Amino acid sequence: DIRTADWSENVAPFWPAVIQSALTWKGITSLLRSGWKTIKGALVMPLMIQGYEKGLIKFTIISCRKPRAA
């Protein structure tokens, strides 16, 4: 049993909160300690928001359930 759903509308409200938390002193120091890969990920967040607003990015959830053994 495999199901998918578009969760874009559910995820969208969290983007501004994520960016705000990253711009706090604690967020900045955490990013610096996390390393370059995490910093690069944080820097592209505004581009991901733009992509979502233009309909280029969707956030999808996939759920699976293994069938019971016979």
PDB file of N, CA and C in Angstrom:
ATOM      1  N   ASP A   1       0.845  -1.175   0.000  1.00  0.00           N
ATOM      2  CA  ASP A   1       0.000   0.000   0.000  1.00  0.00           C
ATOM      3  C   ASP A   1       0.894   1.244   0.000  1.00  0.00           C
ATOM      4  N   ILE A   2       0.966   1.952  -1.099  1.00  0.00           N
ATOM      5  CA  ILE A   2       1.785   3.157  -1.226  1.00  0.00           C
ATOM      6  C   ILE A   2       0.866   4.334  -1.538  1.00  0.00           C
ATOM      7  N   ARG A   3       1.026   5.410  -0.766  1.00  0.00           N
ATOM      8  CA  ARG A   3       0.213   6.610  -0.972  1.00  0.00           C
ATOM      9  C   ARG A   3       1.117   7.833  -1.071  1.00  0.00           C
ATOM     10  N   THR A   4       0.664   8.811  -1.831  1.00  0.00           N
ATOM     11  CA  THR A   4       1.383  10.084  -1.926  1.00  0.00           C
ATOM     12  C   THR A   4       0.390  11.218  -1.727  1.00  0.00           C
ATOM     13  N   ALA A   5       0.901  12.357  -1.275  1.00  0.00           N
ATOM     14  CA  ALA A   5       0.064  13.545  -1.109  1.00  0.00           C
ATOM     15  C   ALA A   5       0.939  14.781  -1.248  1.00  0.00           C
ATOM     16  N   ASP A   6       0.373  15.835  -1.792  1.00  0.00           N
ATOM     17  CA  ASP A   6       1.067  17.118  -1.914  1.00  0.00           C
ATOM     18  C   ASP A   6       0.871  17.884  -0.607  1.00  0.00           C
ATOM     19  N   TRP A   7       1.948  18.090   0.116  1.00  0.00           N
ATOM     20  CA  TRP A   7       1.894  18.796   1.393  1.00  0.00           C
ATOM     21  C   TRP A   7       2.422  20.222   1.276  1.00  0.00           C
ATOM     22  N   SER A   8       2.545  20.733   0.086  1.00  0.00           N
ATOM     23  CA  SER A   8       3.115  22.063  -0.127  1.00  0.00           C
ATOM     24  C   SER A   8       2.417  23.135   0.703  1.00  0.00           C
ATOM     25  N   GLU A   9       1.086  23.127   0.711  1.00  0.00           N
ATOM     26  CA  GLU A   9       0.351  24.146   1.470  1.00  0.00           C
ATOM     27  C   GLU A   9       0.570  24.000   2.970  1.00  0.00           C
ATOM     28  N   ASN A  10       0.822  22.783   3.435  1.00  0.00           N
ATOM     29  CA  ASN A  10       1.078  22.561   4.860  1.00  0.00           C
ATOM     30  C   ASN A  10       2.482  23.000   5.261  1.00  0.00           C
ATOM     31  N   VAL A  11       3.424  22.900   4.343  1.00  0.00           N
ATOM     32  CA  VAL A  11       4.821  23.237   4.627  1.00  0.00           C
ATOM     33  C   VAL A  11       5.072  24.742   4.506  1.00  0.00           C
ATOM     34  N   ALA A  12       4.391  25.396   3.585  1.00  0.00           N
ATOM     35  CA  ALA A  12       4.647  26.810   3.269  1.00  0.00           C
ATOM     36  C   ALA A  12       4.673  27.737   4.487  1.00  0.00           C
ATOM     37  N   PRO A  13       3.770  27.621   5.450  1.00  0.00           N
ATOM     38  CA  PRO A  13       3.801  28.548   6.590  1.00  0.00           C
ATOM     39  C   PRO A  13       5.058  28.445   7.453  1.00  0.00           C
ATOM     40  N   PHE A  14       5.774  27.337   7.364  1.00  0.00           N
ATOM     41  CA  PHE A  14       6.949  27.153   8.212  1.00  0.00           C
ATOM     42  C   PHE A  14       8.213  27.812   7.661  1.00  0.00           C
ATOM     43  N   TRP A  15       8.253  28.106   6.358  1.00  0.00           N
ATOM     44  CA  TRP A  15       9.464  28.686   5.774  1.00  0.00           C
ATOM     45  C   TRP A  15       9.862  30.003   6.422  1.00  0.00           C
ATOM     46  N   PRO A  16       8.949  30.970   6.584  1.00  0.00           N
ATOM     47  CA  PRO A  16       9.359  32.217   7.251  1.00  0.00           C
ATOM     48  C   PRO A  16       9.885  31.975   8.667  1.00  0.00           C
ATOM     49  N   ALA A  17       9.280  31.043   9.394  1.00  0.00           N
ATOM     50  CA  ALA A  17       9.741  30.741  10.753  1.00  0.00           C
ATOM     51  C   ALA A  17      11.142  30.143  10.740  1.00  0.00           C
ATOM     52  N   VAL A  18      11.418  29.284   9.780  1.00  0.00           N
ATOM     53  CA  VAL A  18      12.749  28.675   9.672  1.00  0.00           C
ATOM     54  C   VAL A  18      13.793  29.752   9.392  1.00  0.00           C
ATOM     55  N   ILE A  19      13.485  30.651   8.470  1.00  0.00           N
ATOM     56  CA  ILE A  19      14.427  31.723   8.137  1.00  0.00           C
ATOM     57  C   ILE A  19      14.633  32.648   9.331  1.00  0.00           C
ATOM     58  N   GLN A  20      13.555  33.001  10.036  1.00  0.00           N
ATOM     59  CA  GLN A  20      13.684  33.871  11.208  1.00  0.00           C
ATOM     60  C   GLN A  20      14.562  33.229  12.274  1.00  0.00           C
ATOM     61  N   SER A  21      14.376  31.941  12.516  1.00  0.00           N
ATOM     62  CA  SER A  21      15.187  31.280  13.540  1.00  0.00           C
ATOM     63  C   SER A  21      16.649  31.196  13.118  1.00  0.00           C
ATOM     64  N   ALA A  22      16.905  31.080  11.826  1.00  0.00           N
ATOM     65  CA  ALA A  22      18.291  31.024  11.343  1.00  0.00           C
ATOM     66  C   ALA A  22      18.988  32.370  11.491  1.00  0.00           C
ATOM     67  N   LEU A  23      18.213  33.455  11.538  1.00  0.00           N
ATOM     68  CA  LEU A  23      18.803  34.791  11.622  1.00  0.00           C
ATOM     69  C   LEU A  23      19.005  35.278  13.053  1.00  0.00           C
ATOM     70  N   THR A  24      18.724  34.448  14.039  1.00  0.00           N
ATOM     71  CA  THR A  24      19.009  34.808  15.427  1.00  0.00           C
ATOM     72  C   THR A  24      20.479  34.498  15.722  1.00  0.00           C
ATOM     73  N   TRP A  25      20.978  35.039  16.821  1.00  0.00           N
ATOM     74  CA  TRP A  25      22.366  34.774  17.208  1.00  0.00           C
ATOM     75  C   TRP A  25      22.587  33.270  17.397  1.00  0.00           C
ATOM     76  N   LYS A  26      21.646  32.617  18.080  1.00  0.00           N
ATOM     77  CA  LYS A  26      21.757  31.172  18.300  1.00  0.00           C
ATOM     78  C   LYS A  26      21.720  30.418  16.969  1.00  0.00           C
ATOM     79  N   GLY A  27      20.855  30.847  16.063  1.00  0.00           N
ATOM     80  CA  GLY A  27      20.754  30.198  14.758  1.00  0.00           C
ATOM     81  C   GLY A  27      22.027  30.337  13.945  1.00  0.00           C
ATOM     82  N   ILE A  28      22.593  31.529  13.952  1.00  0.00           N
ATOM     83  CA  ILE A  28      23.826  31.781  13.189  1.00  0.00           C
ATOM     84  C   ILE A  28      24.984  30.958  13.749  1.00  0.00           C
ATOM     85  N   THR A  29      25.129  30.952  15.081  1.00  0.00           N
ATOM     86  CA  THR A  29      26.227  30.175  15.666  1.00  0.00           C
ATOM     87  C   THR A  29      26.028  28.675  15.422  1.00  0.00           C
ATOM     88  N   SER A  30      24.783  28.219  15.460  1.00  0.00           N
ATOM     89  CA  SER A  30      24.512  26.802  15.173  1.00  0.00           C
ATOM     90  C   SER A  30      24.862  26.459  13.732  1.00  0.00           C
ATOM     91  N   LEU A  31      24.517  27.356  12.806  1.00  0.00           N
ATOM     92  CA  LEU A  31      24.861  27.131  11.398  1.00  0.00           C
ATOM     93  C   LEU A  31      26.373  27.042  11.216  1.00  0.00           C
ATOM     94  N   LEU A  32      27.094  27.954  11.852  1.00  0.00           N
ATOM     95  CA  LEU A  32      28.554  27.957  11.717  1.00  0.00           C
ATOM     96  C   LEU A  32      29.167  26.671  12.270  1.00  0.00           C
ATOM     97  N   ARG A  33      28.619  26.174  13.375  1.00  0.00           N
ATOM     98  CA  ARG A  33      29.130  24.923  13.960  1.00  0.00           C
ATOM     99  C   ARG A  33      28.751  23.707  13.121  1.00  0.00           C
ATOM    100  N   SER A  34      27.659  23.812  12.385  1.00  0.00           N
ATOM    101  CA  SER A  34      27.163  22.666  11.613  1.00  0.00           C
ATOM    102  C   SER A  34      27.993  22.358  10.381  1.00  0.00           C
ATOM    103  N   GLY A  35      28.706  23.342   9.886  1.00  0.00           N
ATOM    104  CA  GLY A  35      29.562  23.091   8.733  1.00  0.00           C
ATOM    105  C   GLY A  35      29.030  23.663   7.433  1.00  0.00           C
ATOM    106  N   TRP A  36      29.884  23.580   6.424  1.00  0.00           N
ATOM    107  CA  TRP A  36      29.626  24.219   5.135  1.00  0.00           C
ATOM    108  C   TRP A  36      28.391  23.659   4.432  1.00  0.00           C
ATOM    109  N   LYS A  37      28.171  22.363   4.533  1.00  0.00           N
ATOM    110  CA  LYS A  37      27.025  21.747   3.855  1.00  0.00           C
ATOM    111  C   LYS A  37      25.704  22.330   4.382  1.00  0.00           C
ATOM    112  N   THR A  38      25.607  22.500   5.687  1.00  0.00           N
ATOM    113  CA  THR A  38      24.398  23.068   6.290  1.00  0.00           C
ATOM    114  C   THR A  38      24.259  24.542   5.941  1.00  0.00           C
ATOM    115  N   ILE A  39      25.367  25.267   5.921  1.00  0.00           N
ATOM    116  CA  ILE A  39      25.335  26.690   5.558  1.00  0.00           C
ATOM    117  C   ILE A  39      24.834  26.846   4.129  1.00  0.00           C
ATOM    118  N   LYS A  40      25.328  26.023   3.217  1.00  0.00           N
ATOM    119  CA  LYS A  40      24.860  26.091   1.823  1.00  0.00           C
ATOM    120  C   LYS A  40      23.362  25.806   1.745  1.00  0.00           C
ATOM    121  N   GLY A  41      22.895  24.852   2.527  1.00  0.00           N
ATOM    122  CA  GLY A  41      21.467  24.541   2.559  1.00  0.00           C
ATOM    123  C   GLY A  41      20.642  25.716   3.049  1.00  0.00           C
ATOM    124  N   ALA A  42      21.151  26.419   4.058  1.00  0.00           N
ATOM    125  CA  ALA A  42      20.436  27.583   4.592  1.00  0.00           C
ATOM    126  C   ALA A  42      20.409  28.727   3.581  1.00  0.00           C
ATOM    127  N   LEU A  43      21.485  28.884   2.830  1.00  0.00           N
ATOM    128  CA  LEU A  43      21.562  29.984   1.865  1.00  0.00           C
ATOM    129  C   LEU A  43      20.586  29.825   0.702  1.00  0.00           C
ATOM    130  N   VAL A  44      20.177  28.602   0.405  1.00  0.00           N
ATOM    131  CA  VAL A  44      19.251  28.396  -0.713  1.00  0.00           C
ATOM    132  C   VAL A  44      17.782  28.441  -0.289  1.00  0.00           C
ATOM    133  N   MET A  45      17.512  28.603   0.995  1.00  0.00           N
ATOM    134  CA  MET A  45      16.121  28.648   1.446  1.00  0.00           C
ATOM    135  C   MET A  45      15.290  29.716   0.738  1.00  0.00           C
ATOM    136  N   PRO A  46      15.795  30.938   0.577  1.00  0.00           N
ATOM    137  CA  PRO A  46      14.996  31.933  -0.159  1.00  0.00           C
ATOM    138  C   PRO A  46      14.693  31.498  -1.594  1.00  0.00           C
ATOM    139  N   LEU A  47      15.626  30.801  -2.228  1.00  0.00           N
ATOM    140  CA  LEU A  47      15.383  30.314  -3.590  1.00  0.00           C
ATOM    141  C   LEU A  47      14.315  29.222  -3.602  1.00  0.00           C
ATOM    142  N   MET A  48      14.298  28.398  -2.571  1.00  0.00           N
ATOM    143  CA  MET A  48      13.269  27.365  -2.489  1.00  0.00           C
ATOM    144  C   MET A  48      11.889  27.993  -2.306  1.00  0.00           C
ATOM    145  N   ILE A  49      11.811  29.047  -1.515  1.00  0.00           N
ATOM    146  CA  ILE A  49      10.535  29.748  -1.340  1.00  0.00           C
ATOM    147  C   ILE A  49      10.080  30.339  -2.668  1.00  0.00           C
ATOM    148  N   GLN A  50      11.002  30.952  -3.390  1.00  0.00           N
ATOM    149  CA  GLN A  50      10.664  31.504  -4.712  1.00  0.00           C
ATOM    150  C   GLN A  50      10.167  30.408  -5.645  1.00  0.00           C
ATOM    151  N   GLY A  51      10.843  29.292  -5.649  1.00  0.00           N
ATOM    152  CA  GLY A  51      10.440  28.174  -6.494  1.00  0.00           C
ATOM    153  C   GLY A  51       9.050  27.671  -6.144  1.00  0.00           C
ATOM    154  N   TYR A  52       8.758  27.612  -4.848  1.00  0.00           N
ATOM    155  CA  TYR A  52       7.421  27.192  -4.410  1.00  0.00           C
ATOM    156  C   TYR A  52       6.367  28.192  -4.878  1.00  0.00           C
ATOM    157  N   GLU A  53       6.653  29.482  -4.699  1.00  0.00           N
ATOM    158  CA  GLU A  53       5.693  30.521  -5.093  1.00  0.00           C
ATOM    159  C   GLU A  53       5.430  30.523  -6.596  1.00  0.00           C
ATOM    160  N   LYS A  54       6.408  30.111  -7.381  1.00  0.00           N
ATOM    161  CA  LYS A  54       6.248  30.048  -8.840  1.00  0.00           C
ATOM    162  C   LYS A  54       5.682  28.704  -9.300  1.00  0.00           C
ATOM    163  N   GLY A  55       5.448  27.802  -8.370  1.00  0.00           N
ATOM    164  CA  GLY A  55       4.909  26.491  -8.722  1.00  0.00           C
ATOM    165  C   GLY A  55       5.948  25.515  -9.247  1.00  0.00           C
ATOM    166  N   LEU A  56       7.228  25.806  -9.013  1.00  0.00           N
ATOM    167  CA  LEU A  56       8.304  24.947  -9.504  1.00  0.00           C
ATOM    168  C   LEU A  56       8.698  23.859  -8.512  1.00  0.00           C
ATOM    169  N   ILE A  57       8.367  24.070  -7.238  1.00  0.00           N
ATOM    170  CA  ILE A  57       8.732  23.120  -6.190  1.00  0.00           C
ATOM    171  C   ILE A  57       7.466  22.679  -5.471  1.00  0.00           C
ATOM    172  N   LYS A  58       7.362  21.391  -5.215  1.00  0.00           N
ATOM    173  CA  LYS A  58       6.268  20.847  -4.418  1.00  0.00           C
ATOM    174  C   LYS A  58       6.870  19.985  -3.320  1.00  0.00           C
ATOM    175  N   PHE A  59       6.204  19.957  -2.199  1.00  0.00           N
ATOM    176  CA  PHE A  59       6.632  19.134  -1.079  1.00  0.00           C
ATOM    177  C   PHE A  59       5.662  17.962  -0.989  1.00  0.00           C
ATOM    178  N   THR A  60       6.167  16.788  -1.237  1.00  0.00           N
ATOM    179  CA  THR A  60       5.330  15.593  -1.311  1.00  0.00           C
ATOM    180  C   THR A  60       5.679  14.635  -0.185  1.00  0.00           C
ATOM    181  N   ILE A  61       4.666  14.015   0.350  1.00  0.00           N
ATOM    182  CA  ILE A  61       4.877  12.973   1.354  1.00  0.00           C
ATOM    183  C   ILE A  61       4.520  11.634   0.718  1.00  0.00           C
ATOM    184  N   ILE A  62       5.308  10.645   1.039  1.00  0.00           N
ATOM    185  CA  ILE A  62       5.066   9.285   0.555  1.00  0.00           C
ATOM    186  C   ILE A  62       4.968   8.388   1.785  1.00  0.00           C
ATOM    187  N   SER A  63       3.898   7.628   1.863  1.00  0.00           N
ATOM    188  CA  SER A  63       3.766   6.677   2.966  1.00  0.00           C
ATOM    189  C   SER A  63       3.561   5.280   2.395  1.00  0.00           C
ATOM    190  N   CYS A  64       4.141   4.323   3.086  1.00  0.00           N
ATOM    191  CA  CYS A  64       4.065   2.932   2.632  1.00  0.00           C
ATOM    192  C   CYS A  64       3.705   2.048   3.823  1.00  0.00           C
ATOM    193  N   ARG A  65       3.000   1.006   3.517  1.00  0.00           N
ATOM    194  CA  ARG A  65       2.692   0.023   4.548  1.00  0.00           C
ATOM    195  C   ARG A  65       2.935  -1.358   3.968  1.00  0.00           C
ATOM    196  N   LYS A  66       3.744  -2.111   4.663  1.00  0.00           N
ATOM    197  CA  LYS A  66       4.062  -3.468   4.221  1.00  0.00           C
ATOM    198  C   LYS A  66       2.848  -4.366   4.478  1.00  0.00           C
ATOM    199  N   PRO A  67       2.468  -5.160   3.482  1.00  0.00           N
ATOM    200  CA  PRO A  67       1.326  -6.057   3.686  1.00  0.00           C
ATOM    201  C   PRO A  67       1.622  -7.086   4.779  1.00  0.00           C
ATOM    202  N   ARG A  68       0.589  -7.480   5.463  1.00  0.00           N
ATOM    203  CA  ARG A  68       0.763  -8.507   6.500  1.00  0.00           C
ATOM    204  C   ARG A  68       1.128  -9.839   5.855  1.00  0.00           C
ATOM    205  N   ALA A  69       1.925 -10.586   6.558  1.00  0.00           N
ATOM    206  CA  ALA A  69       2.307 -11.916   6.063  1.00  0.00           C
ATOM    207  C   ALA A  69       1.085 -12.829   6.070  1.00  0.00           C
ATOM    208  N   ALA A  70       0.993 -13.644   5.054  1.00  0.00           N
ATOM    209  CA  ALA A  70      -0.175 -14.542   4.941  1.00  0.00           C
ATOM    210  C   ALA A  70      -0.041 -15.738   5.832  1.00  0.00           C
TER     211      ALA A  70
END
